[in-house]
Amino acid sequence: MLHKPLKYLEPLVMALLRGMQNRFGKELSFNCAISDKIVAAVSHPYFMLRWLPEDRKEQCRHLFVDAVKRLDERSRSTVNRERC
């Protein structure tokens, strides 16, 4: 898998890759269970969609738009309840 120049560092690199997969496996797989993390990252002005692979950008854009719509609906229903 790794090139020859990493002959002595290969165990370290493999351990780091396994650690990243263990720690961030769900996030890297874009599991629906972590949609709140995706929405948070997409809504941040610095990150927006630039960190996403091209094949995931549209999916994450929809997650963000849906989250904003749900938030808007909740705030409208709260305002309507306060008026009554």
Protein backbone atom coordinates (compact mmCIF):
# COMPACT_ATOMS: atom_id res chain seq x y z
CA MET A 1 0.00 0.00 0.00
CA LEU A 2 2.68 2.51 0.96
CA HIS A 3 5.68 3.50 -1.12
CA LYS A 4 9.19 2.25 -0.39
CA PRO A 5 10.44 5.55 1.14
CA LEU A 6 8.13 4.84 4.09
CA LYS A 7 9.80 1.53 4.87
CA TYR A 8 10.55 2.44 8.48
CA LEU A 9 7.59 4.75 9.03
CA GLU A 10 4.93 2.44 7.63
CA PRO A 11 3.86 1.09 11.08
CA LEU A 12 3.50 4.65 12.37
CA VAL A 13 1.52 5.78 9.32
CA MET A 14 -0.75 2.74 9.53
CA ALA A 15 -1.35 3.34 13.25
CA LEU A 16 -2.23 6.97 12.56
CA LEU A 17 -4.63 5.99 9.78
CA ARG A 18 -6.32 3.41 12.02
CA GLY A 19 -6.60 5.98 14.80
CA MET A 20 -8.18 8.51 12.45
CA GLN A 21 -10.64 5.89 11.22
CA ASN A 22 -11.51 4.88 14.79
CA ARG A 23 -11.95 8.49 15.92
CA PHE A 24 -13.60 10.01 12.84
CA GLY A 25 -15.03 6.97 11.03
CA LYS A 26 -18.64 8.11 11.32
CA GLU A 27 -17.83 11.62 10.21
CA LEU A 28 -15.77 10.43 7.26
CA SER A 29 -18.54 8.09 6.12
CA PHE A 30 -21.11 10.95 6.21
CA ASN A 31 -23.44 8.83 8.31
CA CYS A 32 -26.90 10.39 8.78
CA ALA A 33 -26.45 10.08 12.55
CA ILE A 34 -23.89 12.89 12.44
CA SER A 35 -25.95 15.31 10.35
CA ASP A 36 -25.85 17.90 13.15
CA LYS A 37 -22.05 17.99 12.89
CA ILE A 38 -22.24 18.34 9.12
CA VAL A 39 -24.77 21.18 9.41
CA ALA A 40 -22.56 22.94 11.95
CA ALA A 41 -19.52 22.71 9.69
CA VAL A 42 -21.42 23.74 6.55
CA SER A 43 -22.93 26.75 8.32
CA HIS A 44 -19.54 28.03 9.50
CA PRO A 45 -18.36 30.84 7.18
CA TYR A 46 -14.79 29.54 7.02
CA PHE A 47 -15.58 25.92 6.17
CA MET A 48 -18.87 26.05 4.26
CA LEU A 49 -18.75 23.35 1.57
CA ARG A 50 -15.05 23.57 0.73
CA TRP A 51 -14.03 20.62 2.91
CA LEU A 52 -16.49 18.21 1.31
CA PRO A 53 -15.77 15.86 -1.57
CA GLU A 54 -17.64 16.86 -4.74
CA ASP A 55 -19.95 13.84 -4.59
CA ARG A 56 -21.19 14.84 -1.10
CA LYS A 57 -21.69 18.59 -1.51
CA GLU A 58 -25.26 18.45 -2.79
CA GLN A 59 -26.31 15.98 -0.08
CA CYS A 60 -24.84 18.20 2.64
CA ARG A 61 -26.34 21.33 1.11
CA HIS A 62 -29.77 19.67 1.39
CA LEU A 63 -29.07 18.72 5.01
CA PHE A 64 -28.27 22.35 5.77
CA VAL A 65 -31.33 23.74 3.98
CA ASP A 66 -33.60 21.22 5.71
CA ALA A 67 -32.15 22.15 9.11
CA VAL A 68 -32.77 25.85 8.43
CA LYS A 69 -36.34 25.14 7.33
CA ARG A 70 -37.02 23.11 10.51
CA LEU A 71 -35.57 25.89 12.63
CA ASP A 72 -37.73 28.46 10.85
CA GLU A 73 -40.86 26.35 11.33
CA ARG A 74 -40.12 25.96 15.04
CA SER A 75 -39.53 29.65 15.54
CA ARG A 76 -42.74 30.54 13.69
CA SER A 77 -44.79 28.10 15.76
CA THR A 78 -43.26 29.52 18.96
CA VAL A 79 -44.14 33.07 17.90
CA ASN A 80 -47.69 32.00 17.02
CA ARG A 81 -48.14 30.34 20.44
CA GLU A 82 -46.92 33.48 22.22
CA ARG A 83 -49.46 35.61 20.33
CA CYS A 84 -52.42 33.46 21.42
